[in-house]
């Protein structure tokens, strides 16, 4: 199986994901970046992929850097370099027989260019939906693991236990 790398245009996601747009509109751009990294970190760990999140210098000029945070690679481009330019350059170098690169951006021109280099593309909305589905999968696994501990002593299935919990919660309201 090929190693999966997802390169994400960070500000593109912030401009498209509902919760992040809300934070950005409240002038909490740093909070929006941090929330994006947190959500992508959970997604990466659950899916077993490497994620590189690229922010261009448009909103944070002059701080070119690359570091690890939440087990993600975070890149701030140099001044006057867009995230698109960085992603185009780096994605081409990462693609090989053992590595599949996917680029998450809603910029159509960027999608076509990246696709021509052999990378897959994913829109901001598609990535948002994938992250939301992953969150649901994580919740289901946590519930299944919690009920697995009780399965020896309780004759009900996981679905029946969940139904009983819902009934209990509704009665306590």
C-alpha atoms as a PDB file:
ATOM      1  CA  UNK A   1       0.000   0.000   0.000  1.00  0.00           C
ATOM      2  CA  UNK A   2       1.226   3.465  -0.852  1.00  0.00           C
ATOM      3  CA  UNK A   3       2.155   5.947   1.836  1.00  0.00           C
ATOM      4  CA  UNK A   4      -0.481   8.699   1.903  1.00  0.00           C
ATOM      5  CA  UNK A   5       0.446  12.369   2.223  1.00  0.00           C
ATOM      6  CA  UNK A   6      -2.188  15.093   2.384  1.00  0.00           C
ATOM      7  CA  UNK A   7      -1.058  18.650   1.674  1.00  0.00           C
ATOM      8  CA  UNK A   8      -3.565  21.228   2.901  1.00  0.00           C
ATOM      9  CA  UNK A   9      -3.882  24.885   1.916  1.00  0.00           C
ATOM     10  CA  UNK A  10      -4.605  26.096   5.449  1.00  0.00           C
ATOM     11  CA  UNK A  11      -6.207  29.466   4.752  1.00  0.00           C
ATOM     12  CA  UNK A  12      -8.328  27.886   2.021  1.00  0.00           C
ATOM     13  CA  UNK A  13      -9.824  25.554   4.653  1.00  0.00           C
ATOM     14  CA  UNK A  14     -10.279  28.422   7.113  1.00  0.00           C
ATOM     15  CA  UNK A  15     -12.246  30.270   4.443  1.00  0.00           C
ATOM     16  CA  UNK A  16     -14.513  27.277   3.793  1.00  0.00           C
ATOM     17  CA  UNK A  17     -15.171  25.304   7.005  1.00  0.00           C
ATOM     18  CA  UNK A  18     -18.145  26.786   8.931  1.00  0.00           C
ATOM     19  CA  UNK A  19     -16.606  26.860  12.421  1.00  0.00           C
ATOM     20  CA  UNK A  20     -13.322  28.257  11.089  1.00  0.00           C
ATOM     21  CA  UNK A  21     -15.075  30.946   9.041  1.00  0.00           C
ATOM     22  CA  UNK A  22     -16.890  32.015  12.207  1.00  0.00           C
ATOM     23  CA  UNK A  23     -13.599  32.320  14.106  1.00  0.00           C
ATOM     24  CA  UNK A  24     -11.982  34.225  11.239  1.00  0.00           C
ATOM     25  CA  UNK A  25     -14.913  36.648  11.079  1.00  0.00           C
ATOM     26  CA  UNK A  26     -14.474  37.305  14.815  1.00  0.00           C
ATOM     27  CA  UNK A  27     -10.832  38.298  14.138  1.00  0.00           C
ATOM     28  CA  UNK A  28      -9.600  35.108  15.808  1.00  0.00           C
ATOM     29  CA  UNK A  29      -7.414  33.882  12.971  1.00  0.00           C
ATOM     30  CA  UNK A  30      -4.878  32.277  15.305  1.00  0.00           C
ATOM     31  CA  UNK A  31      -7.696  30.326  16.977  1.00  0.00           C
ATOM     32  CA  UNK A  32      -8.991  29.248  13.561  1.00  0.00           C
ATOM     33  CA  UNK A  33      -5.503  28.005  12.585  1.00  0.00           C
ATOM     34  CA  UNK A  34      -5.148  26.119  15.854  1.00  0.00           C
ATOM     35  CA  UNK A  35      -8.612  24.540  15.532  1.00  0.00           C
ATOM     36  CA  UNK A  36      -7.821  23.457  11.961  1.00  0.00           C
ATOM     37  CA  UNK A  37      -4.588  21.825  13.111  1.00  0.00           C
ATOM     38  CA  UNK A  38      -6.383  20.047  15.965  1.00  0.00           C
ATOM     39  CA  UNK A  39      -9.101  18.657  13.664  1.00  0.00           C
ATOM     40  CA  UNK A  40      -6.566  17.561  11.042  1.00  0.00           C
ATOM     41  CA  UNK A  41      -4.419  15.923  13.704  1.00  0.00           C
ATOM     42  CA  UNK A  42      -7.253  13.649  14.809  1.00  0.00           C
ATOM     43  CA  UNK A  43      -8.042  12.899  11.175  1.00  0.00           C
ATOM     44  CA  UNK A  44      -4.406  12.045  10.396  1.00  0.00           C
ATOM     45  CA  UNK A  45      -4.008   9.770  13.397  1.00  0.00           C
ATOM     46  CA  UNK A  46      -7.228   7.874  12.741  1.00  0.00           C
ATOM     47  CA  UNK A  47      -6.606   7.505   8.982  1.00  0.00           C
ATOM     48  CA  UNK A  48      -2.882   6.784   9.349  1.00  0.00           C
ATOM     49  CA  UNK A  49      -1.726   9.489   6.942  1.00  0.00           C
ATOM     50  CA  UNK A  50       0.879  12.254   7.009  1.00  0.00           C
ATOM     51  CA  UNK A  51      -0.478  15.789   6.724  1.00  0.00           C
ATOM     52  CA  UNK A  52       1.388  18.932   5.733  1.00  0.00           C
ATOM     53  CA  UNK A  53      -0.562  22.140   6.380  1.00  0.00           C
ATOM     54  CA  UNK A  54       0.653  25.177   4.468  1.00  0.00           C
ATOM     55  CA  UNK A  55      -0.168  28.767   5.421  1.00  0.00           C
ATOM     56  CA  UNK A  56       1.055  31.509   3.149  1.00  0.00           C
ATOM     57  CA  UNK A  57       2.621  34.736   4.339  1.00  0.00           C
ATOM     58  CA  UNK A  58      -0.432  36.756   3.332  1.00  0.00           C
ATOM     59  CA  UNK A  59      -1.795  36.985   6.895  1.00  0.00           C
ATOM     60  CA  UNK A  60       1.402  36.434   8.904  1.00  0.00           C
ATOM     61  CA  UNK A  61       4.208  38.106   6.950  1.00  0.00           C
ATOM     62  CA  UNK A  62       7.871  37.484   7.523  1.00  0.00           C
ATOM     63  CA  UNK A  63       7.775  34.367   9.690  1.00  0.00           C
ATOM     64  CA  UNK A  64       8.890  31.684   7.247  1.00  0.00           C
ATOM     65  CA  UNK A  65       9.121  28.490   9.263  1.00  0.00           C
ATOM     66  CA  UNK A  66       8.363  24.798   9.326  1.00  0.00           C
ATOM     67  CA  UNK A  67       7.625  22.869  12.496  1.00  0.00           C
ATOM     68  CA  UNK A  68       5.738  19.889  13.917  1.00  0.00           C
ATOM     69  CA  UNK A  69       2.555  20.486  15.904  1.00  0.00           C
ATOM     70  CA  UNK A  70      -0.057  17.874  16.890  1.00  0.00           C
ATOM     71  CA  UNK A  71       1.987  15.382  14.805  1.00  0.00           C
ATOM     72  CA  UNK A  72       1.393  17.486  11.681  1.00  0.00           C
ATOM     73  CA  UNK A  73       3.960  19.342   9.621  1.00  0.00           C
ATOM     74  CA  UNK A  74       3.043  23.044   9.646  1.00  0.00           C
ATOM     75  CA  UNK A  75       4.601  25.375   7.085  1.00  0.00           C
ATOM     76  CA  UNK A  76       4.438  29.160   6.901  1.00  0.00           C
ATOM     77  CA  UNK A  77       5.778  30.232   3.515  1.00  0.00           C
ATOM     78  CA  UNK A  78       8.282  32.994   3.004  1.00  0.00           C
ATOM     79  CA  UNK A  79       7.078  36.500   2.240  1.00  0.00           C
ATOM     80  CA  UNK A  80       5.597  36.826  -1.280  1.00  0.00           C
ATOM     81  CA  UNK A  81       5.260  33.030  -1.664  1.00  0.00           C
ATOM     82  CA  UNK A  82       1.733  31.680  -1.812  1.00  0.00           C
ATOM     83  CA  UNK A  83       0.666  28.381  -0.323  1.00  0.00           C
ATOM     84  CA  UNK A  84      -0.215  27.288  -3.875  1.00  0.00           C
ATOM     85  CA  UNK A  85       3.335  27.906  -5.091  1.00  0.00           C
ATOM     86  CA  UNK A  86       4.810  26.022  -2.151  1.00  0.00           C
ATOM     87  CA  UNK A  87       2.418  23.093  -2.577  1.00  0.00           C
ATOM     88  CA  UNK A  88       3.055  22.866  -6.342  1.00  0.00           C
ATOM     89  CA  UNK A  89       6.812  22.760  -5.794  1.00  0.00           C
ATOM     90  CA  UNK A  90       6.834  20.330  -2.877  1.00  0.00           C
ATOM     91  CA  UNK A  91       4.083  17.972  -4.070  1.00  0.00           C
ATOM     92  CA  UNK A  92       5.945  17.225  -7.262  1.00  0.00           C
ATOM     93  CA  UNK A  93       8.997  16.173  -5.259  1.00  0.00           C
ATOM     94  CA  UNK A  94       7.032  13.930  -2.897  1.00  0.00           C
ATOM     95  CA  UNK A  95       5.223  11.861  -5.526  1.00  0.00           C
ATOM     96  CA  UNK A  96       6.884   8.535  -6.335  1.00  0.00           C
ATOM     97  CA  UNK A  97       5.986   4.860  -6.749  1.00  0.00           C
ATOM     98  CA  UNK A  98       5.500   4.396  -3.004  1.00  0.00           C
ATOM     99  CA  UNK A  99       3.876   7.740  -2.150  1.00  0.00           C
ATOM    100  CA  UNK A 100       0.475   9.127  -3.117  1.00  0.00           C
ATOM    101  CA  UNK A 101       0.022  12.845  -2.555  1.00  0.00           C
ATOM    102  CA  UNK A 102      -3.402  14.450  -2.242  1.00  0.00           C
ATOM    103  CA  UNK A 103      -3.801  18.224  -2.183  1.00  0.00           C
ATOM    104  CA  UNK A 104      -6.731  19.824  -0.366  1.00  0.00           C
ATOM    105  CA  UNK A 105      -7.699  23.155  -1.887  1.00  0.00           C
ATOM    106  CA  UNK A 106     -10.750  24.680  -3.520  1.00  0.00           C
ATOM    107  CA  UNK A 107      -8.641  26.710  -5.940  1.00  0.00           C
ATOM    108  CA  UNK A 108      -9.583  25.173  -9.327  1.00  0.00           C
ATOM    109  CA  UNK A 109      -6.430  26.294 -11.110  1.00  0.00           C
ATOM    110  CA  UNK A 110      -4.338  24.741  -8.346  1.00  0.00           C
ATOM    111  CA  UNK A 111      -6.364  21.524  -8.546  1.00  0.00           C
ATOM    112  CA  UNK A 112      -5.712  21.158 -12.273  1.00  0.00           C
ATOM    113  CA  UNK A 113      -2.013  21.927 -11.936  1.00  0.00           C
ATOM    114  CA  UNK A 114      -1.518  19.492  -9.076  1.00  0.00           C
ATOM    115  CA  UNK A 115      -3.544  16.814 -10.900  1.00  0.00           C
ATOM    116  CA  UNK A 116      -1.278  17.199 -13.947  1.00  0.00           C
ATOM    117  CA  UNK A 117       1.735  16.435 -11.721  1.00  0.00           C
ATOM    118  CA  UNK A 118       0.189  13.167 -10.546  1.00  0.00           C
ATOM    119  CA  UNK A 119      -1.326  14.229  -7.235  1.00  0.00           C
ATOM    120  CA  UNK A 120      -4.946  13.717  -6.309  1.00  0.00           C
ATOM    121  CA  UNK A 121      -7.092  16.658  -5.357  1.00  0.00           C
ATOM    122  CA  UNK A 122      -9.708  17.214  -2.695  1.00  0.00           C
ATOM    123  CA  UNK A 123     -11.827  20.319  -2.256  1.00  0.00           C
ATOM    124  CA  UNK A 124     -12.174  22.098   1.081  1.00  0.00           C
ATOM    125  CA  UNK A 125     -15.751  20.815   1.344  1.00  0.00           C
ATOM    126  CA  UNK A 126     -14.703  17.219   0.636  1.00  0.00           C
ATOM    127  CA  UNK A 127     -12.003  17.375   3.302  1.00  0.00           C
ATOM    128  CA  UNK A 128     -14.454  18.935   5.757  1.00  0.00           C
ATOM    129  CA  UNK A 129     -16.908  16.071   5.145  1.00  0.00           C
ATOM    130  CA  UNK A 130     -14.103  13.488   5.517  1.00  0.00           C
ATOM    131  CA  UNK A 131     -13.030  15.042   8.819  1.00  0.00           C
ATOM    132  CA  UNK A 132     -16.630  15.058  10.086  1.00  0.00           C
ATOM    133  CA  UNK A 133     -17.108  11.395   9.073  1.00  0.00           C
ATOM    134  CA  UNK A 134     -13.862  10.524  10.833  1.00  0.00           C
ATOM    135  CA  UNK A 135     -15.066  12.239  14.008  1.00  0.00           C
ATOM    136  CA  UNK A 136     -18.221  10.098  13.868  1.00  0.00           C
ATOM    137  CA  UNK A 137     -16.129   6.954  13.339  1.00  0.00           C
ATOM    138  CA  UNK A 138     -13.948   7.824  16.329  1.00  0.00           C
ATOM    139  CA  UNK A 139     -17.060   8.299  18.498  1.00  0.00           C
ATOM    140  CA  UNK A 140     -18.449   4.934  17.373  1.00  0.00           C
ATOM    141  CA  UNK A 141     -15.177   3.185  18.173  1.00  0.00           C
ATOM    142  CA  UNK A 142     -15.042   4.772  21.618  1.00  0.00           C
ATOM    143  CA  UNK A 143     -18.610   3.633  22.325  1.00  0.00           C
ATOM    144  CA  UNK A 144     -17.889   0.131  21.013  1.00  0.00           C
ATOM    145  CA  UNK A 145     -14.797  -0.132  23.202  1.00  0.00           C
ATOM    146  CA  UNK A 146     -16.694   1.119  26.235  1.00  0.00           C
ATOM    147  CA  UNK A 147     -19.477  -1.431  25.745  1.00  0.00           C
ATOM    148  CA  UNK A 148     -17.040  -4.229  24.958  1.00  0.00           C
ATOM    149  CA  UNK A 149     -15.947  -4.072  28.585  1.00  0.00           C
ATOM    150  CA  UNK A 150     -19.506  -4.797  29.712  1.00  0.00           C
ATOM    151  CA  UNK A 151     -20.319  -7.494  27.143  1.00  0.00           C
ATOM    152  CA  UNK A 152     -19.403 -10.393  29.428  1.00  0.00           C
ATOM    153  CA  UNK A 153     -21.858  -9.361  32.130  1.00  0.00           C
ATOM    154  CA  UNK A 154     -24.712  -7.839  30.116  1.00  0.00           C
ATOM    155  CA  UNK A 155     -26.814  -9.791  27.618  1.00  0.00           C
ATOM    156  CA  UNK A 156     -27.663  -6.785  25.416  1.00  0.00           C
ATOM    157  CA  UNK A 157     -26.012  -5.731  22.143  1.00  0.00           C
ATOM    158  CA  UNK A 158     -24.210  -2.413  21.664  1.00  0.00           C
ATOM    159  CA  UNK A 159     -27.224  -0.995  19.814  1.00  0.00           C
ATOM    160  CA  UNK A 160     -29.564  -2.042  22.626  1.00  0.00           C
ATOM    161  CA  UNK A 161     -27.228  -0.507  25.212  1.00  0.00           C
ATOM    162  CA  UNK A 162     -27.103   2.739  23.250  1.00  0.00           C
ATOM    163  CA  UNK A 163     -30.907   2.746  23.009  1.00  0.00           C
ATOM    164  CA  UNK A 164     -31.188   2.192  26.777  1.00  0.00           C
ATOM    165  CA  UNK A 165     -28.744   5.052  27.418  1.00  0.00           C
ATOM    166  CA  UNK A 166     -30.795   7.345  25.165  1.00  0.00           C
ATOM    167  CA  UNK A 167     -33.980   6.390  27.039  1.00  0.00           C
ATOM    168  CA  UNK A 168     -32.276   7.081  30.367  1.00  0.00           C
ATOM    169  CA  UNK A 169     -31.018  10.456  29.142  1.00  0.00           C
ATOM    170  CA  UNK A 170     -34.483  11.433  27.861  1.00  0.00           C
ATOM    171  CA  UNK A 171     -36.130  10.441  31.158  1.00  0.00           C
ATOM    172  CA  UNK A 172     -33.663  12.517  33.153  1.00  0.00           C
ATOM    173  CA  UNK A 173     -34.488  15.697  31.223  1.00  0.00           C
END
